Amino acid sequence: MLISMTTEPELQRGVGEPDGFRRLWTPHRMAYIQGENKPTGPAPDDGCPFCSIPSLSDEDGLVVARGSAVFAVLNLYPYNGGHLMVVPYRHVADYTELDGAETAELADFTKKAMTALRAASGAHGFNIGMNQGAAAGAGIAAHLHQHVVPRWGGDTNFMPVVGHTKVLPQLLADTRKMLAEAWPQD
């Protein structure tokens, strides 16, 4: 039901009935909402996508770059275009469980992700962080991952505020290719 400007509720009949609203359908988000591709438990063999992605091709797994201890992958449900995650190969849940080499390469890949995003998309800033545990908002709490979200001046517009929808200007496969080509080489 919609609440009109009067005190009487107005019944919304849906897409088939003209009601003055334009709709932007984002059916790909339903997979995320319904928990598709989420692990069934905390172990690596409980369907952890971060454990299975390294066995896929870069294109199929949306992998931007691979290191010896971590890899960079596009987020399948991005907050913004170019939203990357830096993920250790080893299935660990907490940042304190990383060894020195993993910690160093995670930091190095975060810097490289920022460099690639600036080169490929002219990002003005970044949100970088980890959600440690389900209570902190981690979608996949059992496998540590650091988000690198590019930001641009004015990228918070009416769509996320009013429509709770992000408009992404590019297919993920095209974004992956663009960022892989911009990834800094040692």
C-alpha atoms as a PDB file:
ATOM      1  CA  MET A   1       0.000   0.000   0.000  1.00  0.00           C
ATOM      2  CA  LEU A   2       1.154   3.487  -0.728  1.00  0.00           C
ATOM      3  CA  ILE A   3       0.514   6.381   1.568  1.00  0.00           C
ATOM      4  CA  SER A   4      -0.712   9.313  -0.482  1.00  0.00           C
ATOM      5  CA  MET A   5      -0.645  12.906   0.609  1.00  0.00           C
ATOM      6  CA  THR A   6      -4.042  12.357   2.209  1.00  0.00           C
ATOM      7  CA  THR A   7      -4.695  10.290   5.287  1.00  0.00           C
ATOM      8  CA  GLU A   8      -6.405   7.561   3.245  1.00  0.00           C
ATOM      9  CA  PRO A   9      -4.112   4.711   2.085  1.00  0.00           C
ATOM     10  CA  GLU A  10      -4.018   4.104  -1.661  1.00  0.00           C
ATOM     11  CA  LEU A  11      -3.872   0.540  -2.952  1.00  0.00           C
ATOM     12  CA  GLN A  12      -1.029   0.005  -5.429  1.00  0.00           C
ATOM     13  CA  ARG A  13      -2.047  -2.432  -8.109  1.00  0.00           C
ATOM     14  CA  GLY A  14       1.485  -3.085  -9.388  1.00  0.00           C
ATOM     15  CA  VAL A  15       3.261  -2.930 -12.712  1.00  0.00           C
ATOM     16  CA  GLY A  16       0.145  -3.651 -14.794  1.00  0.00           C
ATOM     17  CA  GLU A  17      -1.715  -0.607 -13.506  1.00  0.00           C
ATOM     18  CA  PRO A  18      -0.555   2.924 -14.247  1.00  0.00           C
ATOM     19  CA  ASP A  19       0.316   4.580 -10.955  1.00  0.00           C
ATOM     20  CA  GLY A  20       2.731   7.346 -11.861  1.00  0.00           C
ATOM     21  CA  PHE A  21       5.892   5.503 -10.795  1.00  0.00           C
ATOM     22  CA  ARG A  22       8.751   4.471 -13.036  1.00  0.00           C
ATOM     23  CA  ARG A  23      10.542   1.345 -11.931  1.00  0.00           C
ATOM     24  CA  LEU A  24      14.160   0.371 -12.172  1.00  0.00           C
ATOM     25  CA  TRP A  25      14.287  -3.395 -11.856  1.00  0.00           C
ATOM     26  CA  THR A  26      17.430  -4.941 -10.382  1.00  0.00           C
ATOM     27  CA  PRO A  27      16.663  -8.678 -10.397  1.00  0.00           C
ATOM     28  CA  HIS A  28      20.355  -9.556  -9.985  1.00  0.00           C
ATOM     29  CA  ARG A  29      20.125  -8.245  -6.407  1.00  0.00           C
ATOM     30  CA  MET A  30      17.576 -10.947  -5.519  1.00  0.00           C
ATOM     31  CA  ALA A  31      20.347 -13.574  -5.518  1.00  0.00           C
ATOM     32  CA  TYR A  32      22.173 -11.594  -2.827  1.00  0.00           C
ATOM     33  CA  ILE A  33      19.016 -10.950  -0.812  1.00  0.00           C
ATOM     34  CA  GLN A  34      18.136 -14.649  -0.863  1.00  0.00           C
ATOM     35  CA  GLY A  35      21.653 -15.665   0.166  1.00  0.00           C
ATOM     36  CA  GLU A  36      22.681 -17.341  -3.086  1.00  0.00           C
ATOM     37  CA  ASN A  37      26.370 -18.335  -3.092  1.00  0.00           C
ATOM     38  CA  LYS A  38      26.583 -17.933   0.686  1.00  0.00           C
ATOM     39  CA  PRO A  39      28.413 -20.654   2.586  1.00  0.00           C
ATOM     40  CA  THR A  40      26.343 -23.150   4.533  1.00  0.00           C
ATOM     41  CA  GLY A  41      28.848 -23.157   7.395  1.00  0.00           C
ATOM     42  CA  PRO A  42      32.242 -21.852   8.517  1.00  0.00           C
ATOM     43  CA  ALA A  43      34.499 -24.498   6.908  1.00  0.00           C
ATOM     44  CA  PRO A  44      36.157 -24.066   3.498  1.00  0.00           C
ATOM     45  CA  ASP A  45      34.191 -27.023   2.108  1.00  0.00           C
ATOM     46  CA  ASP A  46      30.869 -25.472   3.227  1.00  0.00           C
ATOM     47  CA  GLY A  47      30.572 -23.634  -0.077  1.00  0.00           C
ATOM     48  CA  CYS A  48      32.896 -20.701   0.583  1.00  0.00           C
ATOM     49  CA  PRO A  49      33.007 -18.716  -2.674  1.00  0.00           C
ATOM     50  CA  PHE A  50      36.374 -17.202  -1.751  1.00  0.00           C
ATOM     51  CA  CYS A  51      37.838 -20.704  -1.579  1.00  0.00           C
ATOM     52  CA  SER A  52      36.388 -21.724  -4.958  1.00  0.00           C
ATOM     53  CA  ILE A  53      37.153 -18.534  -6.924  1.00  0.00           C
ATOM     54  CA  PRO A  54      40.928 -19.210  -7.230  1.00  0.00           C
ATOM     55  CA  SER A  55      40.225 -22.422  -9.182  1.00  0.00           C
ATOM     56  CA  LEU A  56      38.246 -20.482 -11.819  1.00  0.00           C
ATOM     57  CA  SER A  57      39.667 -18.521 -14.727  1.00  0.00           C
ATOM     58  CA  ASP A  58      40.176 -14.839 -14.043  1.00  0.00           C
ATOM     59  CA  GLU A  59      37.218 -14.015 -16.272  1.00  0.00           C
ATOM     60  CA  ASP A  60      34.838 -16.536 -14.705  1.00  0.00           C
ATOM     61  CA  GLY A  61      35.894 -15.691 -11.142  1.00  0.00           C
ATOM     62  CA  LEU A  62      36.088 -11.914 -11.777  1.00  0.00           C
ATOM     63  CA  VAL A  63      39.681 -12.042 -10.521  1.00  0.00           C
ATOM     64  CA  VAL A  64      41.595  -8.855 -11.247  1.00  0.00           C
ATOM     65  CA  ALA A  65      45.021  -9.965  -9.958  1.00  0.00           C
ATOM     66  CA  ARG A  66      46.626 -12.923  -8.179  1.00  0.00           C
ATOM     67  CA  GLY A  67      49.476 -12.864  -5.708  1.00  0.00           C
ATOM     68  CA  SER A  68      51.161 -15.624  -3.754  1.00  0.00           C
ATOM     69  CA  ALA A  69      49.075 -15.159  -0.576  1.00  0.00           C
ATOM     70  CA  VAL A  70      46.075 -13.046  -1.694  1.00  0.00           C
ATOM     71  CA  PHE A  71      44.019 -12.200  -4.765  1.00  0.00           C
ATOM     72  CA  ALA A  72      41.914  -9.214  -5.848  1.00  0.00           C
ATOM     73  CA  VAL A  73      38.394  -9.928  -7.054  1.00  0.00           C
ATOM     74  CA  LEU A  74      35.413  -7.807  -8.042  1.00  0.00           C
ATOM     75  CA  ASN A  75      32.506  -7.845  -5.643  1.00  0.00           C
ATOM     76  CA  LEU A  76      29.590  -9.678  -7.282  1.00  0.00           C
ATOM     77  CA  TYR A  77      27.179  -7.323  -5.488  1.00  0.00           C
ATOM     78  CA  PRO A  78      29.103  -4.012  -5.643  1.00  0.00           C
ATOM     79  CA  TYR A  79      28.370  -0.846  -3.698  1.00  0.00           C
ATOM     80  CA  ASN A  80      29.937   1.151  -6.547  1.00  0.00           C
ATOM     81  CA  GLY A  81      31.396   0.336  -9.947  1.00  0.00           C
ATOM     82  CA  GLY A  82      34.892  -1.097  -9.475  1.00  0.00           C
ATOM     83  CA  HIS A  83      34.229  -2.375  -5.925  1.00  0.00           C
ATOM     84  CA  LEU A  84      37.091  -4.813  -5.288  1.00  0.00           C
ATOM     85  CA  MET A  85      37.920  -7.170  -2.471  1.00  0.00           C
ATOM     86  CA  VAL A  86      41.383  -8.342  -1.446  1.00  0.00           C
ATOM     87  CA  VAL A  87      41.114 -11.915  -0.190  1.00  0.00           C
ATOM     88  CA  PRO A  88      43.692 -14.303   1.285  1.00  0.00           C
ATOM     89  CA  TYR A  89      43.773 -17.724  -0.357  1.00  0.00           C
ATOM     90  CA  ARG A  90      43.858 -19.312   3.082  1.00  0.00           C
ATOM     91  CA  HIS A  91      40.440 -19.714   4.703  1.00  0.00           C
ATOM     92  CA  VAL A  92      40.712 -17.576   7.844  1.00  0.00           C
ATOM     93  CA  ALA A  93      37.978 -15.548   9.492  1.00  0.00           C
ATOM     94  CA  ASP A  94      39.860 -12.974  11.527  1.00  0.00           C
ATOM     95  CA  TYR A  95      42.531 -10.439  10.622  1.00  0.00           C
ATOM     96  CA  THR A  96      44.622 -11.571  13.587  1.00  0.00           C
ATOM     97  CA  GLU A  97      44.866 -15.051  12.038  1.00  0.00           C
ATOM     98  CA  LEU A  98      46.896 -13.808   9.051  1.00  0.00           C
ATOM     99  CA  ASP A  99      50.605 -14.509   9.072  1.00  0.00           C
ATOM    100  CA  GLY A 100      53.183 -11.834   8.272  1.00  0.00           C
ATOM    101  CA  ALA A 101      53.415 -12.612   4.552  1.00  0.00           C
ATOM    102  CA  GLU A 102      49.615 -12.593   4.164  1.00  0.00           C
ATOM    103  CA  THR A 103      49.301  -9.311   6.064  1.00  0.00           C
ATOM    104  CA  ALA A 104      52.030  -7.674   3.953  1.00  0.00           C
ATOM    105  CA  GLU A 105      50.585  -8.828   0.641  1.00  0.00           C
ATOM    106  CA  LEU A 106      47.052  -7.843   1.672  1.00  0.00           C
ATOM    107  CA  ALA A 107      48.345  -4.318   2.354  1.00  0.00           C
ATOM    108  CA  ASP A 108      50.316  -4.254  -0.908  1.00  0.00           C
ATOM    109  CA  PHE A 109      47.306  -5.438  -2.938  1.00  0.00           C
ATOM    110  CA  THR A 110      45.137  -2.778  -1.288  1.00  0.00           C
ATOM    111  CA  LYS A 111      47.601  -0.116  -2.486  1.00  0.00           C
ATOM    112  CA  LYS A 112      47.674  -1.673  -5.967  1.00  0.00           C
ATOM    113  CA  ALA A 113      43.873  -1.782  -6.065  1.00  0.00           C
ATOM    114  CA  MET A 114      43.754   1.943  -5.298  1.00  0.00           C
ATOM    115  CA  THR A 115      46.358   2.653  -7.978  1.00  0.00           C
ATOM    116  CA  ALA A 116      44.484   0.578 -10.584  1.00  0.00           C
ATOM    117  CA  LEU A 117      41.133   2.155  -9.736  1.00  0.00           C
ATOM    118  CA  ARG A 118      42.575   5.670  -9.989  1.00  0.00           C
ATOM    119  CA  ALA A 119      44.192   4.858 -13.346  1.00  0.00           C
ATOM    120  CA  ALA A 120      41.173   3.072 -14.803  1.00  0.00           C
ATOM    121  CA  SER A 121      38.310   5.137 -13.452  1.00  0.00           C
ATOM    122  CA  GLY A 122      39.670   8.352 -11.963  1.00  0.00           C
ATOM    123  CA  ALA A 123      38.410   7.501  -8.463  1.00  0.00           C
ATOM    124  CA  HIS A 124      38.502  10.556  -6.176  1.00  0.00           C
ATOM    125  CA  GLY A 125      38.562   8.618  -2.915  1.00  0.00           C
ATOM    126  CA  PHE A 126      38.007   5.205  -1.342  1.00  0.00           C
ATOM    127  CA  ASN A 127      36.189   3.388   1.399  1.00  0.00           C
ATOM    128  CA  ILE A 128      38.496   0.617   2.609  1.00  0.00           C
ATOM    129  CA  GLY A 129      37.640  -1.834   5.322  1.00  0.00           C
ATOM    130  CA  MET A 130      36.778  -5.226   6.721  1.00  0.00           C
ATOM    131  CA  ASN A 131      33.665  -6.374   8.515  1.00  0.00           C
ATOM    132  CA  GLN A 132      34.909  -8.824  11.135  1.00  0.00           C
ATOM    133  CA  GLY A 133      32.138 -11.276  12.043  1.00  0.00           C
ATOM    134  CA  ALA A 134      28.457 -11.498  11.192  1.00  0.00           C
ATOM    135  CA  ALA A 135      27.580  -9.059  13.988  1.00  0.00           C
ATOM    136  CA  ALA A 136      29.773  -6.450  12.245  1.00  0.00           C
ATOM    137  CA  GLY A 137      28.036  -6.953   8.909  1.00  0.00           C
ATOM    138  CA  ALA A 138      30.294  -9.494   7.209  1.00  0.00           C
ATOM    139  CA  GLY A 139      28.312 -11.187   4.438  1.00  0.00           C
ATOM    140  CA  ILE A 140      30.800 -14.069   4.420  1.00  0.00           C
ATOM    141  CA  ALA A 141      32.179 -13.992   7.945  1.00  0.00           C
ATOM    142  CA  ALA A 142      34.177 -17.217   7.742  1.00  0.00           C
ATOM    143  CA  HIS A 143      36.624 -15.953   5.093  1.00  0.00           C
ATOM    144  CA  LEU A 144      38.386 -12.652   5.644  1.00  0.00           C
ATOM    145  CA  HIS A 145      38.164 -10.098   2.845  1.00  0.00           C
ATOM    146  CA  GLN A 146      38.982  -6.415   2.622  1.00  0.00           C
ATOM    147  CA  HIS A 147      36.741  -4.122   0.597  1.00  0.00           C
ATOM    148  CA  VAL A 148      38.187  -1.403  -1.632  1.00  0.00           C
ATOM    149  CA  VAL A 149      35.291   0.766  -2.804  1.00  0.00           C
ATOM    150  CA  PRO A 150      36.068   3.636  -5.192  1.00  0.00           C
ATOM    151  CA  ARG A 151      34.239   6.909  -4.629  1.00  0.00           C
ATOM    152  CA  TRP A 152      33.703  10.017  -6.726  1.00  0.00           C
ATOM    153  CA  GLY A 153      32.540  13.473  -5.760  1.00  0.00           C
ATOM    154  CA  GLY A 154      28.749  13.483  -6.019  1.00  0.00           C
ATOM    155  CA  ASP A 155      28.386   9.698  -6.365  1.00  0.00           C
ATOM    156  CA  THR A 156      25.785   9.673  -3.611  1.00  0.00           C
ATOM    157  CA  ASN A 157      22.746  10.758  -5.539  1.00  0.00           C
ATOM    158  CA  PHE A 158      19.007  10.222  -5.281  1.00  0.00           C
ATOM    159  CA  MET A 159      19.065   6.573  -6.415  1.00  0.00           C
ATOM    160  CA  PRO A 160      20.630   5.052  -3.272  1.00  0.00           C
ATOM    161  CA  VAL A 161      18.969   7.572  -0.992  1.00  0.00           C
ATOM    162  CA  VAL A 162      15.428   7.357  -2.354  1.00  0.00           C
ATOM    163  CA  GLY A 163      15.386   4.129  -4.348  1.00  0.00           C
ATOM    164  CA  HIS A 164      17.889   2.058  -2.345  1.00  0.00           C
ATOM    165  CA  THR A 165      19.423   1.184  -5.718  1.00  0.00           C
ATOM    166  CA  LYS A 166      22.889   1.636  -7.192  1.00  0.00           C
ATOM    167  CA  VAL A 167      23.221   2.262 -10.900  1.00  0.00           C
ATOM    168  CA  LEU A 168      26.344   0.585 -12.256  1.00  0.00           C
ATOM    169  CA  PRO A 169      27.536   1.915 -15.604  1.00  0.00           C
ATOM    170  CA  GLN A 170      29.409  -1.174 -16.745  1.00  0.00           C
ATOM    171  CA  LEU A 171      29.137  -4.967 -16.800  1.00  0.00           C
ATOM    172  CA  LEU A 172      31.312  -6.687 -14.194  1.00  0.00           C
ATOM    173  CA  ALA A 173      33.245  -8.583 -16.895  1.00  0.00           C
ATOM    174  CA  ASP A 174      34.166  -5.279 -18.572  1.00  0.00           C
ATOM    175  CA  THR A 175      35.134  -3.716 -15.236  1.00  0.00           C
ATOM    176  CA  ARG A 176      37.323  -6.743 -14.413  1.00  0.00           C
ATOM    177  CA  LYS A 177      39.141  -6.459 -17.757  1.00  0.00           C
ATOM    178  CA  MET A 178      39.665  -2.706 -17.365  1.00  0.00           C
ATOM    179  CA  LEU A 179      41.083  -3.046 -13.842  1.00  0.00           C
ATOM    180  CA  ALA A 180      43.249  -6.064 -14.683  1.00  0.00           C
ATOM    181  CA  GLU A 181      44.820  -4.028 -17.490  1.00  0.00           C
ATOM    182  CA  ALA A 182      45.415  -1.104 -15.091  1.00  0.00           C
ATOM    183  CA  TRP A 183      46.815  -3.309 -12.278  1.00  0.00           C
ATOM    184  CA  PRO A 184      50.357  -2.167 -11.386  1.00  0.00           C
ATOM    185  CA  GLN A 185      53.096  -4.577 -12.425  1.00  0.00           C
ATOM    186  CA  ASP A 186      56.068  -5.140 -10.103  1.00  0.00           C
END
